[in-house]
C-alpha atoms as a PDB file:
ATOM      1  CA  MET A   1     104.522  76.747  87.311  1.00  0.00           C
ATOM      2  CA  LEU A   2     100.563  76.553  89.017  1.00  0.00           C
ATOM      3  CA  ASP A   3     101.636  77.893  92.069  1.00  0.00           C
ATOM      4  CA  ALA A   4     102.693  81.202  90.074  1.00  0.00           C
ATOM      5  CA  ILE A   5      99.676  81.262  87.964  1.00  0.00           C
ATOM      6  CA  ALA A   6      97.478  80.833  90.993  1.00  0.00           C
ATOM      7  CA  ILE A   7      99.451  83.155  92.690  1.00  0.00           C
ATOM      8  CA  PHE A   8      99.129  85.636  89.806  1.00  0.00           C
ATOM      9  CA  CYS A   9      95.013  85.018  89.707  1.00  0.00           C
ATOM     10  CA  TYR A  10      94.582  85.431  93.394  1.00  0.00           C
ATOM     11  CA  LEU A  11      96.721  88.818  93.114  1.00  0.00           C
ATOM     12  CA  LEU A  12      94.600  89.872  90.476  1.00  0.00           C
ATOM     13  CA  ALA A  13      91.253  89.089  92.063  1.00  0.00           C
ATOM     14  CA  MET A  14      92.621  91.323  95.238  1.00  0.00           C
ATOM     15  CA  ASN A  15      92.589  94.193  93.083  1.00  0.00           C
ATOM     16  CA  THR A  16      96.752  94.742  93.813  1.00  0.00           C
ATOM     17  CA  ASN A  17      98.926  96.880  92.234  1.00  0.00           C
ATOM     18  CA  LEU A  18     100.683  96.138  88.826  1.00  0.00           C
ATOM     19  CA  ASP A  19     104.089  96.459  90.990  1.00  0.00           C
ATOM     20  CA  HIS A  20     102.834  94.123  93.268  1.00  0.00           C
ATOM     21  CA  VAL A  21     101.959  91.844  91.036  1.00  0.00           C
ATOM     22  CA  VAL A  22     105.066  91.903  88.824  1.00  0.00           C
ATOM     23  CA  LEU A  23     107.110  91.851  92.178  1.00  0.00           C
ATOM     24  CA  THR A  24     105.571  88.345  93.145  1.00  0.00           C
ATOM     25  CA  LEU A  25     106.179  86.857  89.611  1.00  0.00           C
ATOM     26  CA  LEU A  26     110.042  88.172  89.632  1.00  0.00           C
ATOM     27  CA  ASN A  27     110.698  87.027  93.137  1.00  0.00           C
ATOM     28  CA  ALA A  28     109.445  83.300  91.826  1.00  0.00           C
ATOM     29  CA  ARG A  29     111.705  83.698  89.659  1.00  0.00           C
ATOM     30  CA  LYS A  30     114.657  84.405  91.730  1.00  0.00           C
ATOM     31  CA  GLY A  31     118.039  82.696  90.372  1.00  0.00           C
ATOM     32  CA  ASP A  32     117.036  83.140  86.767  1.00  0.00           C
ATOM     33  CA  TRP A  33     116.839  87.022  86.426  1.00  0.00           C
ATOM     34  CA  GLN A  34     119.782  86.900  83.717  1.00  0.00           C
ATOM     35  CA  LYS A  35     116.769  85.218  81.316  1.00  0.00           C
ATOM     36  CA  VAL A  36     114.345  87.110  82.679  1.00  0.00           C
ATOM     37  CA  ALA A  37     116.357  90.301  81.931  1.00  0.00           C
ATOM     38  CA  ALA A  38     117.123  88.816  78.388  1.00  0.00           C
ATOM     39  CA  ASP A  39     113.530  87.372  77.558  1.00  0.00           C
ATOM     40  CA  SER A  40     112.119  90.686  78.614  1.00  0.00           C
ATOM     41  CA  GLY A  41     114.402  93.438  77.425  1.00  0.00           C
ATOM     42  CA  VAL A  42     114.998  94.784  81.136  1.00  0.00           C
ATOM     43  CA  SER A  43     117.838  95.247  82.442  1.00  0.00           C
ATOM     44  CA  TYR A  44     119.217  92.736  84.811  1.00  0.00           C
ATOM     45  CA  SER A  45     120.476  95.920  87.370  1.00  0.00           C
ATOM     46  CA  TRP A  46     116.629  97.394  87.066  1.00  0.00           C
ATOM     47  CA  LEU A  47     115.269  93.892  88.158  1.00  0.00           C
ATOM     48  CA  SER A  48     117.580  94.035  91.021  1.00  0.00           C
ATOM     49  CA  LYS A  49     116.765  97.263  92.426  1.00  0.00           C
ATOM     50  CA  PHE A  50     113.159  96.925  91.549  1.00  0.00           C
ATOM     51  CA  ALA A  51     112.709  93.810  93.580  1.00  0.00           C
ATOM     52  CA  ASN A  52     115.118  95.291  96.623  1.00  0.00           C
ATOM     53  CA  GLY A  53     112.289  98.514  96.697  1.00  0.00           C
ATOM     54  CA  HIS A  54     115.301 100.763  95.327  1.00  0.00           C
ATOM     55  CA  ILE A  55     112.668 102.016  92.295  1.00  0.00           C
ATOM     56  CA  GLY A  56     109.946 104.305  93.838  1.00  0.00           C
ATOM     57  CA  ASN A  57     108.183 105.087  90.777  1.00  0.00           C
ATOM     58  CA  PRO A  58     109.051 101.771  88.087  1.00  0.00           C
ATOM     59  CA  GLY A  59     106.995 102.666  85.420  1.00  0.00           C
ATOM     60  CA  TYR A  60     104.112 101.282  83.420  1.00  0.00           C
ATOM     61  CA  SER A  61     105.796 100.335  80.283  1.00  0.00           C
ATOM     62  CA  THR A  62     108.418  98.523  82.024  1.00  0.00           C
ATOM     63  CA  LEU A  63     106.104  96.398  84.200  1.00  0.00           C
ATOM     64  CA  THR A  64     103.899  95.477  81.813  1.00  0.00           C
ATOM     65  CA  LYS A  65     107.011  94.391  79.678  1.00  0.00           C
ATOM     66  CA  LEU A  66     108.160  91.946  82.306  1.00  0.00           C
ATOM     67  CA  HIS A  67     104.505  91.190  82.773  1.00  0.00           C
ATOM     68  CA  ALA A  68     103.627  89.969  79.757  1.00  0.00           C
ATOM     69  CA  MET A  69     107.228  87.921  79.974  1.00  0.00           C
ATOM     70  CA  LEU A  70     106.634  86.496  83.405  1.00  0.00           C
ATOM     71  CA  SER A  71     102.944  85.835  83.072  1.00  0.00           C
ATOM     72  CA  ALA A  72     103.976  84.168  79.874  1.00  0.00           C
ATOM     73  CA  ALA A  73     106.631  82.028  80.984  1.00  0.00           C
ATOM     74  CA  PRO A  74     105.950  81.301  84.621  1.00  0.00           C
ATOM     75  CA  ALA A  75     108.523  79.840  87.058  1.00  0.00           C
ATOM     76  CA  ILE A  76     109.303  76.226  87.004  1.00  0.00           C
ATOM     77  CA  PRO A  77     109.622  75.197  90.580  1.00  0.00           C
ATOM     78  CA  GLU A  78     112.407  72.953  91.458  1.00  0.00           C
ATOM     79  CA  PRO A  79     112.165  69.524  92.339  1.00  0.00           C
ATOM     80  CA  GLU A  80     111.835  68.889  95.491  1.00  0.00           C
ATOM     81  CA  ALA A  81     115.072  66.797  97.369  1.00  0.00           C
ATOM     82  CA  LYS A  82     114.709  63.232  97.266  1.00  0.00           C
ATOM     83  CA  ALA A  83     114.926  61.418 100.985  1.00  0.00           C
ATOM     84  CA  GLU A  84     117.834  59.042 100.670  1.00  0.00           C
ATOM     85  CA  ALA A  85     116.791  55.739 101.994  1.00  0.00           C
END
């Protein structure tokens, strides 16, 4: 969770475009896009197309909805694999 927040803060500090910030946050939640779609009100299809670069002008309204949801509920890091002794 801290990593996603740190990335978000870094990107904002670097004056990055909203679409790049949202894409970074979305990619941190890869594998959880069904929940992202349901929680944000943005379709899974749209998320997939956006993440794969197939939406040239994603729209400010959609990006702000996604940004609000993704920044309020950042990605939960996967547990590290434990080495067997």
